[in-house]
């Protein structure tokens, strides 16, 4: 329970710029409620996070896009001054061998560096991330404000489509009379998708949302085909 409240706190406190003040205030009020009301249950906290996830996801998704854009453009500018001359040269060799800054973030290039170098790199990458966020926040409040809000509007259309698709999946679960376990599986999948809106699970995968109805219709067809396979056959003896 407490770990989920911590996730909720991180969710709200790390919101990007330009989230409407009224929405930010409502989210903070909800956070204060779950932090201070001992009667709040874990499902209620998750439901609250998901509710705000639908509203905040377009801003978060657009922010991540701009953050990645600026890191690709300026990442080395922020990274290199944080490296010792020897490690900067080592990083140059890493790039010559095909390594990228993204590889450093993912850990794919870890074997290229010594333990000591990896420690220095980790500290530098933390600083790089902080520098990139500061730069992104500044740009979104000034030069790229309109571009950011336009991208948010596009993601609002996308999340509306996601909400409709997940609603259809829940309706499919509610209509499933023959296979209760399948209905439960559908509801669990919908919940997993919703978790991706608010740090409770892996990031939302729009393609997977779109493919889910076909998958579950296929599962139902297979369950119908298998129905009765393991039931013993009753022999019928007729007299002539």
C-alpha atoms as a PDB file:
ATOM      1  CA  UNK A   1       0.000   0.000   0.000  1.00  0.00           C
ATOM      2  CA  UNK A   2       2.693   2.501   1.016  1.00  0.00           C
ATOM      3  CA  UNK A   3       4.755   1.751  -2.084  1.00  0.00           C
ATOM      4  CA  UNK A   4       1.735   2.540  -4.263  1.00  0.00           C
ATOM      5  CA  UNK A   5       1.219   5.848  -2.453  1.00  0.00           C
ATOM      6  CA  UNK A   6       4.902   6.603  -3.100  1.00  0.00           C
ATOM      7  CA  UNK A   7       4.347   5.909  -6.787  1.00  0.00           C
ATOM      8  CA  UNK A   8       1.352   8.238  -6.740  1.00  0.00           C
ATOM      9  CA  UNK A   9       3.500  10.938  -5.132  1.00  0.00           C
ATOM     10  CA  UNK A  10       6.217  10.481  -7.764  1.00  0.00           C
ATOM     11  CA  UNK A  11       3.550  10.527 -10.490  1.00  0.00           C
ATOM     12  CA  UNK A  12       2.222  13.908  -9.393  1.00  0.00           C
ATOM     13  CA  UNK A  13       5.482  15.554  -8.318  1.00  0.00           C
ATOM     14  CA  UNK A  14       7.246  14.753 -11.622  1.00  0.00           C
ATOM     15  CA  UNK A  15       4.565  16.174 -13.925  1.00  0.00           C
ATOM     16  CA  UNK A  16       5.824  18.221 -16.886  1.00  0.00           C
ATOM     17  CA  UNK A  17       5.247  21.941 -17.355  1.00  0.00           C
ATOM     18  CA  UNK A  18       2.033  23.303 -18.864  1.00  0.00           C
ATOM     19  CA  UNK A  19      -0.306  20.847 -17.147  1.00  0.00           C
ATOM     20  CA  UNK A  20      -3.393  23.025 -16.476  1.00  0.00           C
ATOM     21  CA  UNK A  21      -3.338  24.487 -12.978  1.00  0.00           C
ATOM     22  CA  UNK A  22      -6.835  23.208 -12.219  1.00  0.00           C
ATOM     23  CA  UNK A  23      -5.868  19.646 -13.152  1.00  0.00           C
ATOM     24  CA  UNK A  24      -2.633  19.873 -11.172  1.00  0.00           C
ATOM     25  CA  UNK A  25      -4.547  21.158  -8.131  1.00  0.00           C
ATOM     26  CA  UNK A  26      -7.085  18.312  -8.317  1.00  0.00           C
ATOM     27  CA  UNK A  27      -4.302  15.746  -8.582  1.00  0.00           C
ATOM     28  CA  UNK A  28      -2.480  17.219  -5.587  1.00  0.00           C
ATOM     29  CA  UNK A  29      -5.691  17.243  -3.571  1.00  0.00           C
ATOM     30  CA  UNK A  30      -6.252  13.565  -4.392  1.00  0.00           C
ATOM     31  CA  UNK A  31      -2.683  12.769  -3.365  1.00  0.00           C
ATOM     32  CA  UNK A  32      -3.111  14.554  -0.044  1.00  0.00           C
ATOM     33  CA  UNK A  33      -6.299  12.591   0.539  1.00  0.00           C
ATOM     34  CA  UNK A  34      -4.704   9.166   0.062  1.00  0.00           C
ATOM     35  CA  UNK A  35      -1.678  10.230   2.126  1.00  0.00           C
ATOM     36  CA  UNK A  36      -3.747  11.347   5.106  1.00  0.00           C
ATOM     37  CA  UNK A  37      -6.833   9.108   5.130  1.00  0.00           C
ATOM     38  CA  UNK A  38      -5.993   5.759   6.785  1.00  0.00           C
ATOM     39  CA  UNK A  39      -9.275   4.251   5.590  1.00  0.00           C
ATOM     40  CA  UNK A  40      -8.292   4.459   1.905  1.00  0.00           C
ATOM     41  CA  UNK A  41      -7.743   1.015   0.384  1.00  0.00           C
ATOM     42  CA  UNK A  42      -5.172  -0.086  -2.187  1.00  0.00           C
ATOM     43  CA  UNK A  43      -7.770  -0.543  -4.971  1.00  0.00           C
ATOM     44  CA  UNK A  44      -9.043   2.988  -4.262  1.00  0.00           C
ATOM     45  CA  UNK A  45      -5.534   4.413  -4.594  1.00  0.00           C
ATOM     46  CA  UNK A  46      -5.014   2.563  -7.876  1.00  0.00           C
ATOM     47  CA  UNK A  47      -8.405   3.698  -9.194  1.00  0.00           C
ATOM     48  CA  UNK A  48      -7.530   7.292  -8.356  1.00  0.00           C
ATOM     49  CA  UNK A  49      -4.161   7.040 -10.084  1.00  0.00           C
ATOM     50  CA  UNK A  50      -5.764   5.542 -13.177  1.00  0.00           C
ATOM     51  CA  UNK A  51      -8.419   8.255 -13.255  1.00  0.00           C
ATOM     52  CA  UNK A  52      -5.736  10.933 -13.344  1.00  0.00           C
ATOM     53  CA  UNK A  53      -3.647   8.799 -15.672  1.00  0.00           C
ATOM     54  CA  UNK A  54      -6.222   9.204 -18.415  1.00  0.00           C
ATOM     55  CA  UNK A  55      -6.095  12.988 -18.014  1.00  0.00           C
ATOM     56  CA  UNK A  56      -2.349  13.414 -17.521  1.00  0.00           C
ATOM     57  CA  UNK A  57      -0.996  10.800 -19.938  1.00  0.00           C
ATOM     58  CA  UNK A  58      -1.106  13.127 -23.005  1.00  0.00           C
ATOM     59  CA  UNK A  59       1.136  15.645 -21.218  1.00  0.00           C
ATOM     60  CA  UNK A  60       3.521  12.968 -19.939  1.00  0.00           C
ATOM     61  CA  UNK A  61       3.719  11.222 -23.318  1.00  0.00           C
ATOM     62  CA  UNK A  62       4.357  14.475 -25.183  1.00  0.00           C
ATOM     63  CA  UNK A  63       6.966  15.506 -22.598  1.00  0.00           C
ATOM     64  CA  UNK A  64       8.857  12.239 -23.009  1.00  0.00           C
ATOM     65  CA  UNK A  65       8.919  12.805 -26.739  1.00  0.00           C
ATOM     66  CA  UNK A  66      10.439  16.277 -26.408  1.00  0.00           C
ATOM     67  CA  UNK A  67      12.822  15.055 -23.713  1.00  0.00           C
ATOM     68  CA  UNK A  68      14.131  12.349 -26.043  1.00  0.00           C
ATOM     69  CA  UNK A  69      14.433  14.854 -28.865  1.00  0.00           C
ATOM     70  CA  UNK A  70      16.522  17.263 -26.814  1.00  0.00           C
ATOM     71  CA  UNK A  71      18.677  14.507 -25.371  1.00  0.00           C
ATOM     72  CA  UNK A  72      19.470  13.211 -28.850  1.00  0.00           C
ATOM     73  CA  UNK A  73      20.374  16.747 -29.894  1.00  0.00           C
ATOM     74  CA  UNK A  74      22.246  17.975 -26.823  1.00  0.00           C
ATOM     75  CA  UNK A  75      23.043  14.895 -24.745  1.00  0.00           C
ATOM     76  CA  UNK A  76      26.738  14.851 -25.476  1.00  0.00           C
ATOM     77  CA  UNK A  77      26.924  18.591 -24.855  1.00  0.00           C
ATOM     78  CA  UNK A  78      25.667  17.921 -21.328  1.00  0.00           C
ATOM     79  CA  UNK A  79      27.643  14.697 -20.829  1.00  0.00           C
ATOM     80  CA  UNK A  80      31.195  15.443 -21.948  1.00  0.00           C
ATOM     81  CA  UNK A  81      31.960  18.269 -19.465  1.00  0.00           C
ATOM     82  CA  UNK A  82      31.106  15.833 -16.680  1.00  0.00           C
ATOM     83  CA  UNK A  83      33.687  13.263 -17.807  1.00  0.00           C
ATOM     84  CA  UNK A  84      37.373  13.183 -16.987  1.00  0.00           C
ATOM     85  CA  UNK A  85      39.677  13.581 -20.031  1.00  0.00           C
ATOM     86  CA  UNK A  86      40.541   9.885 -19.903  1.00  0.00           C
ATOM     87  CA  UNK A  87      36.892   8.794 -19.790  1.00  0.00           C
ATOM     88  CA  UNK A  88      35.944  11.281 -22.512  1.00  0.00           C
ATOM     89  CA  UNK A  89      38.555   9.614 -24.738  1.00  0.00           C
ATOM     90  CA  UNK A  90      37.228   6.205 -23.748  1.00  0.00           C
ATOM     91  CA  UNK A  91      33.710   7.338 -24.661  1.00  0.00           C
ATOM     92  CA  UNK A  92      34.993   8.523 -28.051  1.00  0.00           C
ATOM     93  CA  UNK A  93      36.422   5.029 -28.678  1.00  0.00           C
ATOM     94  CA  UNK A  94      33.103   3.539 -27.611  1.00  0.00           C
ATOM     95  CA  UNK A  95      31.362   5.608 -30.300  1.00  0.00           C
ATOM     96  CA  UNK A  96      33.915   4.577 -32.933  1.00  0.00           C
ATOM     97  CA  UNK A  97      33.016   0.970 -32.142  1.00  0.00           C
ATOM     98  CA  UNK A  98      29.345   1.705 -32.798  1.00  0.00           C
ATOM     99  CA  UNK A  99      28.170   2.622 -29.304  1.00  0.00           C
ATOM    100  CA  UNK A 100      25.640   5.372 -28.689  1.00  0.00           C
ATOM    101  CA  UNK A 101      24.519   7.566 -25.833  1.00  0.00           C
ATOM    102  CA  UNK A 102      21.282   5.585 -25.734  1.00  0.00           C
ATOM    103  CA  UNK A 103      23.357   2.423 -25.179  1.00  0.00           C
ATOM    104  CA  UNK A 104      24.856   4.003 -22.076  1.00  0.00           C
ATOM    105  CA  UNK A 105      21.385   4.677 -20.683  1.00  0.00           C
ATOM    106  CA  UNK A 106      20.213   1.132 -21.349  1.00  0.00           C
ATOM    107  CA  UNK A 107      23.402  -0.476 -20.063  1.00  0.00           C
ATOM    108  CA  UNK A 108      24.148  -2.227 -23.361  1.00  0.00           C
ATOM    109  CA  UNK A 109      27.673  -0.805 -23.487  1.00  0.00           C
ATOM    110  CA  UNK A 110      28.585  -1.555 -19.891  1.00  0.00           C
ATOM    111  CA  UNK A 111      31.127  -4.252 -20.780  1.00  0.00           C
ATOM    112  CA  UNK A 112      33.156  -1.691 -22.751  1.00  0.00           C
ATOM    113  CA  UNK A 113      34.054   0.210 -19.569  1.00  0.00           C
ATOM    114  CA  UNK A 114      35.796  -0.736 -16.348  1.00  0.00           C
ATOM    115  CA  UNK A 115      33.987  -0.769 -13.008  1.00  0.00           C
ATOM    116  CA  UNK A 116      35.557   2.572 -12.099  1.00  0.00           C
ATOM    117  CA  UNK A 117      34.591   4.078 -15.458  1.00  0.00           C
ATOM    118  CA  UNK A 118      31.027   2.793 -15.115  1.00  0.00           C
ATOM    119  CA  UNK A 119      30.732   4.490 -11.740  1.00  0.00           C
ATOM    120  CA  UNK A 120      31.859   7.801 -13.220  1.00  0.00           C
ATOM    121  CA  UNK A 121      29.526   7.345 -16.186  1.00  0.00           C
ATOM    122  CA  UNK A 122      26.534   6.666 -13.961  1.00  0.00           C
ATOM    123  CA  UNK A 123      27.085   9.913 -12.067  1.00  0.00           C
ATOM    124  CA  UNK A 124      27.535  11.803 -15.338  1.00  0.00           C
ATOM    125  CA  UNK A 125      24.351  10.311 -16.814  1.00  0.00           C
ATOM    126  CA  UNK A 126      22.363  11.379 -13.766  1.00  0.00           C
ATOM    127  CA  UNK A 127      23.634  14.903 -14.296  1.00  0.00           C
ATOM    128  CA  UNK A 128      22.896  14.703 -18.012  1.00  0.00           C
ATOM    129  CA  UNK A 129      19.287  13.714 -17.290  1.00  0.00           C
ATOM    130  CA  UNK A 130      18.841  16.611 -14.884  1.00  0.00           C
ATOM    131  CA  UNK A 131      20.371  19.064 -17.378  1.00  0.00           C
ATOM    132  CA  UNK A 132      18.154  17.763 -20.177  1.00  0.00           C
ATOM    133  CA  UNK A 133      15.020  18.096 -18.068  1.00  0.00           C
ATOM    134  CA  UNK A 134      15.898  21.670 -17.119  1.00  0.00           C
ATOM    135  CA  UNK A 135      16.560  22.571 -20.745  1.00  0.00           C
ATOM    136  CA  UNK A 136      13.359  20.847 -21.913  1.00  0.00           C
ATOM    137  CA  UNK A 137      11.265  22.589 -19.267  1.00  0.00           C
ATOM    138  CA  UNK A 138      12.684  25.956 -20.319  1.00  0.00           C
ATOM    139  CA  UNK A 139      12.031  25.308 -24.022  1.00  0.00           C
ATOM    140  CA  UNK A 140       8.477  24.122 -23.459  1.00  0.00           C
ATOM    141  CA  UNK A 141       7.693  27.250 -21.490  1.00  0.00           C
ATOM    142  CA  UNK A 142       9.098  29.462 -24.238  1.00  0.00           C
ATOM    143  CA  UNK A 143      10.113  28.641 -27.816  1.00  0.00           C
ATOM    144  CA  UNK A 144       8.427  25.244 -28.140  1.00  0.00           C
ATOM    145  CA  UNK A 145       5.310  25.917 -26.085  1.00  0.00           C
ATOM    146  CA  UNK A 146       2.910  25.810 -29.034  1.00  0.00           C
ATOM    147  CA  UNK A 147       4.508  22.709 -30.553  1.00  0.00           C
ATOM    148  CA  UNK A 148       4.237  20.933 -27.226  1.00  0.00           C
ATOM    149  CA  UNK A 149       0.569  21.834 -26.741  1.00  0.00           C
ATOM    150  CA  UNK A 150      -0.223  20.702 -30.275  1.00  0.00           C
ATOM    151  CA  UNK A 151       1.399  17.343 -29.540  1.00  0.00           C
ATOM    152  CA  UNK A 152      -0.553  17.101 -26.278  1.00  0.00           C
ATOM    153  CA  UNK A 153      -3.766  17.670 -28.264  1.00  0.00           C
ATOM    154  CA  UNK A 154      -2.836  14.811 -30.591  1.00  0.00           C
ATOM    155  CA  UNK A 155      -2.203  12.501 -27.653  1.00  0.00           C
ATOM    156  CA  UNK A 156      -5.557  13.511 -26.150  1.00  0.00           C
ATOM    157  CA  UNK A 157      -7.225  12.170 -29.291  1.00  0.00           C
ATOM    158  CA  UNK A 158      -5.181   8.976 -28.950  1.00  0.00           C
ATOM    159  CA  UNK A 159      -6.063   8.442 -25.285  1.00  0.00           C
ATOM    160  CA  UNK A 160      -9.742   8.976 -26.091  1.00  0.00           C
ATOM    161  CA  UNK A 161      -9.477   6.163 -28.614  1.00  0.00           C
ATOM    162  CA  UNK A 162      -7.709   3.994 -26.038  1.00  0.00           C
ATOM    163  CA  UNK A 163     -10.482   4.642 -23.514  1.00  0.00           C
ATOM    164  CA  UNK A 164     -13.116   3.608 -26.073  1.00  0.00           C
ATOM    165  CA  UNK A 165     -11.229   0.442 -26.971  1.00  0.00           C
ATOM    166  CA  UNK A 166     -10.760  -0.535 -23.331  1.00  0.00           C
ATOM    167  CA  UNK A 167     -14.448   0.146 -22.702  1.00  0.00           C
ATOM    168  CA  UNK A 168     -15.296  -2.245 -25.535  1.00  0.00           C
ATOM    169  CA  UNK A 169     -13.036  -4.872 -23.981  1.00  0.00           C
ATOM    170  CA  UNK A 170     -14.826  -4.532 -20.641  1.00  0.00           C
ATOM    171  CA  UNK A 171     -18.156  -4.867 -22.436  1.00  0.00           C
ATOM    172  CA  UNK A 172     -16.811  -8.035 -24.052  1.00  0.00           C
ATOM    173  CA  UNK A 173     -15.886  -9.357 -20.606  1.00  0.00           C
ATOM    174  CA  UNK A 174     -19.338  -8.517 -19.238  1.00  0.00           C
ATOM    175  CA  UNK A 175     -21.015 -10.360 -22.116  1.00  0.00           C
ATOM    176  CA  UNK A 176     -18.876 -13.467 -21.674  1.00  0.00           C
ATOM    177  CA  UNK A 177     -21.218 -16.039 -20.105  1.00  0.00           C
ATOM    178  CA  UNK A 178     -19.604 -19.310 -21.148  1.00  0.00           C
ATOM    179  CA  UNK A 179     -16.028 -18.770 -19.967  1.00  0.00           C
ATOM    180  CA  UNK A 180     -15.724 -16.894 -16.649  1.00  0.00           C
ATOM    181  CA  UNK A 181     -11.950 -17.321 -16.636  1.00  0.00           C
ATOM    182  CA  UNK A 182     -11.741 -15.597 -20.014  1.00  0.00           C
ATOM    183  CA  UNK A 183     -13.845 -12.692 -18.726  1.00  0.00           C
ATOM    184  CA  UNK A 184     -11.464 -12.386 -15.777  1.00  0.00           C
ATOM    185  CA  UNK A 185      -8.454 -12.479 -18.108  1.00  0.00           C
ATOM    186  CA  UNK A 186      -9.925  -9.660 -20.233  1.00  0.00           C
ATOM    187  CA  UNK A 187     -10.513  -7.479 -17.168  1.00  0.00           C
ATOM    188  CA  UNK A 188      -6.971  -8.138 -15.952  1.00  0.00           C
ATOM    189  CA  UNK A 189      -5.580  -7.120 -19.341  1.00  0.00           C
ATOM    190  CA  UNK A 190      -7.581  -3.896 -19.311  1.00  0.00           C
ATOM    191  CA  UNK A 191      -6.257  -3.158 -15.833  1.00  0.00           C
ATOM    192  CA  UNK A 192      -2.697  -3.797 -17.014  1.00  0.00           C
ATOM    193  CA  UNK A 193      -3.162  -1.329 -19.865  1.00  0.00           C
ATOM    194  CA  UNK A 194      -4.515   1.257 -17.427  1.00  0.00           C
ATOM    195  CA  UNK A 195      -1.574   0.672 -15.086  1.00  0.00           C
ATOM    196  CA  UNK A 196       0.631   1.873 -17.939  1.00  0.00           C
ATOM    197  CA  UNK A 197      -0.973   5.310 -17.738  1.00  0.00           C
ATOM    198  CA  UNK A 198       0.321   6.097 -14.260  1.00  0.00           C
ATOM    199  CA  UNK A 199       3.569   4.235 -13.436  1.00  0.00           C
ATOM    200  CA  UNK A 200       1.802   1.201 -11.976  1.00  0.00           C
ATOM    201  CA  UNK A 201       3.001  -0.943 -14.871  1.00  0.00           C
ATOM    202  CA  UNK A 202       4.947  -0.879 -18.164  1.00  0.00           C
ATOM    203  CA  UNK A 203       4.254   2.059 -20.477  1.00  0.00           C
ATOM    204  CA  UNK A 204       1.012   1.871 -22.426  1.00  0.00           C
ATOM    205  CA  UNK A 205       1.400  -0.004 -25.727  1.00  0.00           C
ATOM    206  CA  UNK A 206      -1.194   1.361 -28.165  1.00  0.00           C
ATOM    207  CA  UNK A 207      -0.585  -1.408 -30.699  1.00  0.00           C
ATOM    208  CA  UNK A 208      -1.270  -4.035 -28.025  1.00  0.00           C
ATOM    209  CA  UNK A 209      -4.517  -2.269 -27.101  1.00  0.00           C
ATOM    210  CA  UNK A 210      -5.614  -2.402 -30.743  1.00  0.00           C
ATOM    211  CA  UNK A 211      -4.719  -6.087 -31.052  1.00  0.00           C
ATOM    212  CA  UNK A 212      -6.404  -7.182 -27.821  1.00  0.00           C
ATOM    213  CA  UNK A 213      -9.972  -7.718 -29.177  1.00  0.00           C
ATOM    214  CA  UNK A 214      -8.751 -10.033 -31.940  1.00  0.00           C
ATOM    215  CA  UNK A 215      -6.616 -11.924 -29.425  1.00  0.00           C
ATOM    216  CA  UNK A 216      -9.514 -12.500 -27.018  1.00  0.00           C
ATOM    217  CA  UNK A 217     -11.942 -13.440 -29.784  1.00  0.00           C
ATOM    218  CA  UNK A 218      -9.358 -16.029 -30.807  1.00  0.00           C
ATOM    219  CA  UNK A 219      -9.082 -17.247 -27.216  1.00  0.00           C
ATOM    220  CA  UNK A 220     -12.857 -17.635 -27.019  1.00  0.00           C
ATOM    221  CA  UNK A 221     -12.955 -19.574 -30.280  1.00  0.00           C
ATOM    222  CA  UNK A 222     -10.244 -21.905 -28.985  1.00  0.00           C
ATOM    223  CA  UNK A 223     -12.031 -22.434 -25.664  1.00  0.00           C
ATOM    224  CA  UNK A 224     -15.255 -23.235 -27.503  1.00  0.00           C
ATOM    225  CA  UNK A 225     -13.405 -25.729 -29.687  1.00  0.00           C
ATOM    226  CA  UNK A 226     -11.883 -27.421 -26.651  1.00  0.00           C
ATOM    227  CA  UNK A 227     -15.112 -27.517 -24.677  1.00  0.00           C
ATOM    228  CA  UNK A 228     -16.128 -31.071 -23.878  1.00  0.00           C
ATOM    229  CA  UNK A 229     -12.944 -32.650 -25.221  1.00  0.00           C
ATOM    230  CA  UNK A 230     -12.112 -34.148 -21.822  1.00  0.00           C
ATOM    231  CA  UNK A 231     -15.644 -35.232 -20.999  1.00  0.00           C
ATOM    232  CA  UNK A 232     -16.107 -39.019 -21.106  1.00  0.00           C
ATOM    233  CA  UNK A 233     -18.137 -40.291 -24.008  1.00  0.00           C
ATOM    234  CA  UNK A 234     -21.313 -42.190 -23.184  1.00  0.00           C
ATOM    235  CA  UNK A 235     -21.780 -45.302 -25.318  1.00  0.00           C
ATOM    236  CA  UNK A 236     -25.241 -46.015 -26.580  1.00  0.00           C
ATOM    237  CA  UNK A 237     -26.270 -49.654 -27.204  1.00  0.00           C
ATOM    238  CA  UNK A 238     -29.391 -50.168 -29.255  1.00  0.00           C
ATOM    239  CA  UNK A 239     -31.244 -53.418 -29.729  1.00  0.00           C
ATOM    240  CA  UNK A 240     -32.307 -54.469 -33.191  1.00  0.00           C
END
